[in-house]
N, C-alpha and C. Protein backbone atom coordinates (compact mmCIF):
# COMPACT_ATOMS: atom_id res chain seq x y z
N MET A 1 -11.35 13.34 -6.26
CA MET A 1 -12.00 12.88 -5.08
C MET A 1 -10.96 13.53 -3.96
N LYS A 2 -11.71 13.68 -2.53
CA LYS A 2 -10.91 14.41 -1.42
C LYS A 2 -10.35 13.48 -0.55
N ASN A 3 -9.55 13.19 -0.28
CA ASN A 3 -8.91 12.22 0.73
C ASN A 3 -9.80 12.25 2.19
N GLN A 4 -9.98 11.16 2.90
CA GLN A 4 -11.26 10.99 3.64
C GLN A 4 -10.22 10.16 4.62
N ILE A 5 -10.46 9.82 5.63
CA ILE A 5 -10.54 8.83 6.74
C ILE A 5 -11.23 7.41 6.83
N LEU A 6 -10.97 6.58 6.68
CA LEU A 6 -12.00 5.24 6.35
C LEU A 6 -13.22 5.34 7.62
N THR A 7 -13.90 5.30 7.36
CA THR A 7 -14.94 4.99 9.13
C THR A 7 -14.86 3.37 9.83
N SER A 8 -14.74 3.09 10.70
CA SER A 8 -14.82 1.97 11.35
C SER A 8 -14.80 0.63 10.30
N LYS A 9 -16.59 0.85 9.79
CA LYS A 9 -17.38 0.24 8.72
C LYS A 9 -16.34 -0.09 7.92
N GLU A 10 -15.93 1.06 7.28
CA GLU A 10 -14.72 1.05 6.14
C GLU A 10 -14.10 -0.26 6.26
N LEU A 11 -13.10 0.34 7.26
CA LEU A 11 -11.92 -0.43 7.47
C LEU A 11 -12.51 -1.98 7.88
N ASN A 12 -13.66 -2.61 8.86
CA ASN A 12 -13.87 -3.91 8.62
C ASN A 12 -13.97 -4.09 7.16
N GLU A 13 -14.37 -4.29 6.42
CA GLU A 13 -14.81 -4.11 5.22
C GLU A 13 -13.43 -4.34 3.91
N LEU A 14 -12.43 -3.98 4.64
CA LEU A 14 -11.40 -4.04 3.57
C LEU A 14 -10.59 -5.77 3.36
N LYS A 15 -11.10 -6.14 4.45
CA LYS A 15 -10.51 -7.78 4.79
C LYS A 15 -11.16 -8.46 3.82
N ASN A 16 -12.01 -7.93 3.10
CA ASN A 16 -12.86 -8.57 2.48
C ASN A 16 -12.64 -8.17 0.65
N ASP A 17 -12.51 -6.21 0.69
CA ASP A 17 -11.62 -5.88 -0.71
C ASP A 17 -10.44 -6.15 -0.53
N LEU A 18 -9.80 -6.14 0.41
CA LEU A 18 -7.83 -6.13 -0.10
C LEU A 18 -7.64 -7.17 1.02
N PRO A 19 -8.17 -8.62 0.56
CA PRO A 19 -7.27 -9.82 1.64
C PRO A 19 -6.23 -9.78 2.05
N LEU A 20 -5.32 -9.66 0.80
CA LEU A 20 -3.88 -9.76 1.13
C LEU A 20 -3.15 -8.57 1.73
N TRP A 21 -4.05 -7.92 2.33
CA TRP A 21 -3.06 -6.73 3.25
C TRP A 21 -3.84 -6.91 4.45
N GLN A 22 -3.10 -6.24 5.42
CA GLN A 22 -2.87 -6.45 6.73
C GLN A 22 -3.46 -4.83 7.32
N ILE A 23 -4.24 -4.73 8.38
CA ILE A 23 -4.11 -3.36 9.24
C ILE A 23 -3.58 -3.37 10.59
N GLN A 24 -2.39 -3.00 10.93
CA GLN A 24 -1.61 -2.41 11.63
C GLN A 24 -1.35 -1.64 12.31
N ASP A 25 -1.94 -0.67 13.59
CA ASP A 25 -0.91 0.61 13.24
C ASP A 25 -2.05 1.52 13.03
N SER A 26 -2.81 1.07 12.26
CA SER A 26 -3.71 2.48 11.27
C SER A 26 -2.62 2.57 10.59
N LYS A 27 -2.24 1.45 9.55
CA LYS A 27 -1.59 1.33 8.40
C LYS A 27 -2.16 0.35 7.83
N LEU A 28 -1.72 0.30 6.27
CA LEU A 28 -2.50 -0.59 5.74
C LEU A 28 -0.90 -1.73 5.21
N ILE A 29 -0.78 -2.49 5.77
CA ILE A 29 0.29 -3.43 5.43
C ILE A 29 0.33 -4.50 4.97
N ARG A 30 1.44 -4.90 3.57
CA ARG A 30 1.42 -6.13 2.58
C ARG A 30 2.74 -6.30 2.70
N ASP A 31 3.15 -7.48 2.83
CA ASP A 31 4.53 -8.01 2.38
C ASP A 31 4.25 -8.78 1.07
N PHE A 32 5.85 -8.90 0.37
CA PHE A 32 5.71 -9.07 -1.07
C PHE A 32 7.23 -9.62 -0.94
N HIS A 33 7.11 -11.21 -1.81
CA HIS A 33 8.45 -11.85 -1.89
C HIS A 33 8.42 -12.54 -3.37
N PHE A 34 9.87 -12.20 -4.00
CA PHE A 34 10.02 -11.79 -4.94
C PHE A 34 11.53 -12.84 -5.51
N LYS A 35 11.94 -13.54 -6.49
CA LYS A 35 13.01 -14.29 -7.05
C LYS A 35 13.74 -13.79 -6.83
N ASN A 36 14.29 -12.65 -6.97
CA ASN A 36 15.85 -11.90 -6.63
C ASN A 36 15.72 -10.45 -6.02
N PHE A 37 16.65 -9.61 -6.11
CA PHE A 37 16.84 -8.26 -5.81
C PHE A 37 16.29 -7.43 -6.96
N ILE A 38 16.77 -8.31 -8.28
CA ILE A 38 16.27 -6.76 -9.43
C ILE A 38 14.85 -7.10 -9.41
N GLU A 39 14.18 -8.37 -9.58
CA GLU A 39 12.69 -8.56 -9.19
C GLU A 39 11.71 -7.57 -8.09
N ALA A 40 12.59 -7.79 -6.95
CA ALA A 40 12.13 -6.71 -5.98
C ALA A 40 11.96 -4.99 -6.45
N PHE A 41 13.52 -4.92 -6.52
CA PHE A 41 13.48 -3.42 -7.26
C PHE A 41 12.85 -2.93 -8.51
N ALA A 42 12.74 -3.87 -9.38
CA ALA A 42 12.02 -3.55 -10.39
C ALA A 42 10.54 -3.11 -10.41
N PHE A 43 9.78 -4.07 -8.85
CA PHE A 43 8.79 -4.01 -8.89
C PHE A 43 8.44 -2.55 -7.42
N ILE A 44 9.31 -2.42 -6.97
CA ILE A 44 9.84 -1.21 -6.10
C ILE A 44 9.65 -0.26 -7.13
N THR A 45 10.15 0.20 -8.44
CA THR A 45 10.29 0.96 -8.96
C THR A 45 8.71 1.53 -9.85
N LYS A 46 7.77 0.26 -9.97
CA LYS A 46 6.70 0.45 -10.63
C LYS A 46 5.95 0.82 -9.81
N VAL A 47 5.91 0.25 -8.18
CA VAL A 47 5.00 1.60 -7.19
C VAL A 47 5.41 2.66 -7.31
N ALA A 48 6.54 3.02 -7.26
CA ALA A 48 6.80 4.71 -7.05
C ALA A 48 6.42 5.65 -8.00
N ILE A 49 6.28 4.63 -9.45
CA ILE A 49 6.03 5.52 -10.70
C ILE A 49 4.08 5.79 -10.17
N ILE A 50 3.90 4.72 -9.86
CA ILE A 50 2.19 4.88 -10.21
C ILE A 50 2.48 6.43 -8.30
N ALA A 51 2.81 5.71 -7.38
CA ALA A 51 2.34 6.65 -6.01
C ALA A 51 2.86 7.69 -6.26
N GLU A 52 3.72 8.53 -7.04
CA GLU A 52 3.82 9.80 -7.72
C GLU A 52 3.14 10.50 -8.28
N SER A 53 2.55 9.84 -9.21
CA SER A 53 1.70 10.03 -10.12
C SER A 53 0.47 10.53 -9.43
N MET A 54 -0.07 9.81 -8.25
CA MET A 54 -1.29 10.30 -7.56
C MET A 54 -0.62 11.29 -6.65
N GLY A 55 0.68 11.46 -6.21
CA GLY A 55 0.92 12.14 -4.98
C GLY A 55 0.93 11.98 -3.91
N HIS A 56 0.87 10.59 -3.73
CA HIS A 56 0.88 9.71 -2.32
C HIS A 56 1.49 8.36 -2.25
N HIS A 57 2.45 8.93 -1.32
CA HIS A 57 3.85 7.65 -1.26
C HIS A 57 3.61 7.14 0.13
N PRO A 58 4.50 5.77 -0.68
CA PRO A 58 4.09 4.83 0.79
C PRO A 58 5.35 4.34 1.51
N ASP A 59 5.58 4.08 2.69
CA ASP A 59 6.26 3.87 3.50
C ASP A 59 6.92 2.29 3.21
N TRP A 60 8.26 1.87 2.81
CA TRP A 60 8.20 0.25 2.48
C TRP A 60 9.89 0.01 2.83
N TYR A 61 10.05 -1.16 3.08
CA TYR A 61 11.09 -1.78 3.48
C TYR A 61 11.74 -2.36 2.45
N ASN A 62 13.06 -2.83 2.32
CA ASN A 62 13.77 -3.63 0.99
C ASN A 62 14.18 -4.50 1.99
N SER A 63 14.58 -5.65 1.30
CA SER A 63 15.94 -6.48 1.90
C SER A 63 15.73 -7.60 1.55
N TYR A 64 16.88 -7.79 -0.14
CA TYR A 64 17.49 -8.59 -0.96
C TYR A 64 15.71 -9.03 -1.61
N SER A 65 15.07 -9.98 -1.32
CA SER A 65 14.19 -10.27 -2.44
C SER A 65 12.84 -10.45 -1.50
N TYR A 66 12.51 -9.51 -0.51
CA TYR A 66 11.54 -9.13 -0.01
C TYR A 66 10.80 -7.72 0.24
N VAL A 67 9.85 -7.35 -0.11
CA VAL A 67 9.57 -5.60 0.16
C VAL A 67 8.29 -5.87 0.94
N GLN A 68 8.63 -4.87 2.02
CA GLN A 68 7.23 -4.37 2.75
C GLN A 68 7.01 -3.56 2.43
N ILE A 69 5.22 -2.47 2.16
CA ILE A 69 5.24 -1.57 1.83
C ILE A 69 4.10 -1.47 3.29
N LYS A 70 3.80 -0.30 3.69
CA LYS A 70 3.16 0.26 4.52
C LYS A 70 1.81 1.49 4.16
N LEU A 71 0.72 1.55 3.55
CA LEU A 71 0.33 2.84 3.59
C LEU A 71 -0.54 3.31 4.58
N ALA A 72 -0.76 4.38 4.64
CA ALA A 72 -1.56 5.15 5.90
C ALA A 72 -1.17 7.05 4.93
N SER A 73 -2.00 7.63 5.72
CA SER A 73 -2.67 9.32 5.53
C SER A 73 -1.79 9.85 6.52
N HIS A 74 -0.56 10.08 6.61
CA HIS A 74 0.05 10.70 8.09
C HIS A 74 -0.83 11.90 8.27
N ASP A 75 -1.09 12.68 7.08
CA ASP A 75 -2.12 13.89 7.39
C ASP A 75 -3.06 13.58 8.12
N LEU A 76 -4.11 12.80 8.11
CA LEU A 76 -5.18 12.54 8.55
C LEU A 76 -5.00 11.35 9.45
N GLY A 77 -3.46 11.05 9.83
CA GLY A 77 -3.77 9.69 11.16
C GLY A 77 -4.06 8.48 11.07
N GLY A 78 -4.56 8.13 9.66
CA GLY A 78 -4.69 6.68 9.62
C GLY A 78 -5.03 6.14 7.72
N ILE A 79 -5.64 5.53 7.20
CA ILE A 79 -5.95 4.64 6.53
C ILE A 79 -7.07 5.43 5.81
N SER A 80 -6.78 5.79 4.68
CA SER A 80 -7.62 7.10 3.79
C SER A 80 -8.04 6.06 2.25
N ASN A 81 -9.05 6.85 1.88
CA ASN A 81 -9.54 6.33 0.56
C ASN A 81 -8.36 6.11 -0.71
N TYR A 82 -6.84 7.58 -0.14
CA TYR A 82 -5.96 6.73 -1.13
C TYR A 82 -5.44 5.92 -1.14
N ASP A 83 -5.01 5.65 0.54
CA ASP A 83 -4.73 3.83 0.80
C ASP A 83 -5.38 3.01 0.13
N ILE A 84 -6.93 3.16 -0.49
CA ILE A 84 -7.11 1.90 -0.69
C ILE A 84 -6.99 2.06 -2.24
N GLU A 85 -7.09 3.32 -2.92
CA GLU A 85 -6.87 3.31 -4.40
C GLU A 85 -5.68 2.61 -4.60
N LEU A 86 -4.39 3.35 -3.76
CA LEU A 86 -2.88 2.67 -4.07
C LEU A 86 -2.72 1.54 -4.00
N ALA A 87 -3.41 0.79 -3.31
CA ALA A 87 -3.38 -0.23 -2.77
C ALA A 87 -3.68 -1.53 -4.22
N HIS A 88 -4.88 -0.87 -4.45
CA HIS A 88 -5.44 -1.48 -5.25
C HIS A 88 -4.52 -1.60 -6.96
N LYS A 89 -3.97 -0.19 -6.88
CA LYS A 89 -3.15 -0.75 -8.44
C LYS A 89 -1.67 -1.21 -8.32
N ILE A 90 -1.62 -1.14 -6.82
CA ILE A 90 -0.20 -1.87 -6.53
C ILE A 90 -0.59 -3.44 -6.65
N ASN A 91 -1.79 -3.74 -6.09
CA ASN A 91 -2.35 -5.61 -6.91
C ASN A 91 -2.65 -5.65 -7.85
N ASP A 92 -2.50 -4.54 -8.66
CA ASP A 92 -2.41 -4.88 -10.50
C ASP A 92 -1.25 -4.99 -10.93
N ILE A 93 -0.26 -4.43 -10.14
CA ILE A 93 1.15 -4.66 -10.99
C ILE A 93 1.72 -6.22 -10.83
N GLU A 94 1.14 -7.08 -9.91
CA GLU A 94 1.53 -8.37 -9.77
C GLU A 94 1.07 -9.15 -11.06
């Protein structure tokens, strides 16, 4: 599948498809909270393995038990079908 930027209609439909994710500054963003640093780090490791297998890597921030993930296709300048696929795979980890 070719990586393509989402249309305005597709972006509007994301609210139903990925309700835990927010669109902000042309990025798909989700916050995660864990019991402790080890759980957060284990989650990050799982995401890293999936992202590497896709060749599509997120931006993220981690502080103790908090992780924020931001997905965007920088080369395309916004949210793409690869970001949606990765967001679904991240949701499946939980």
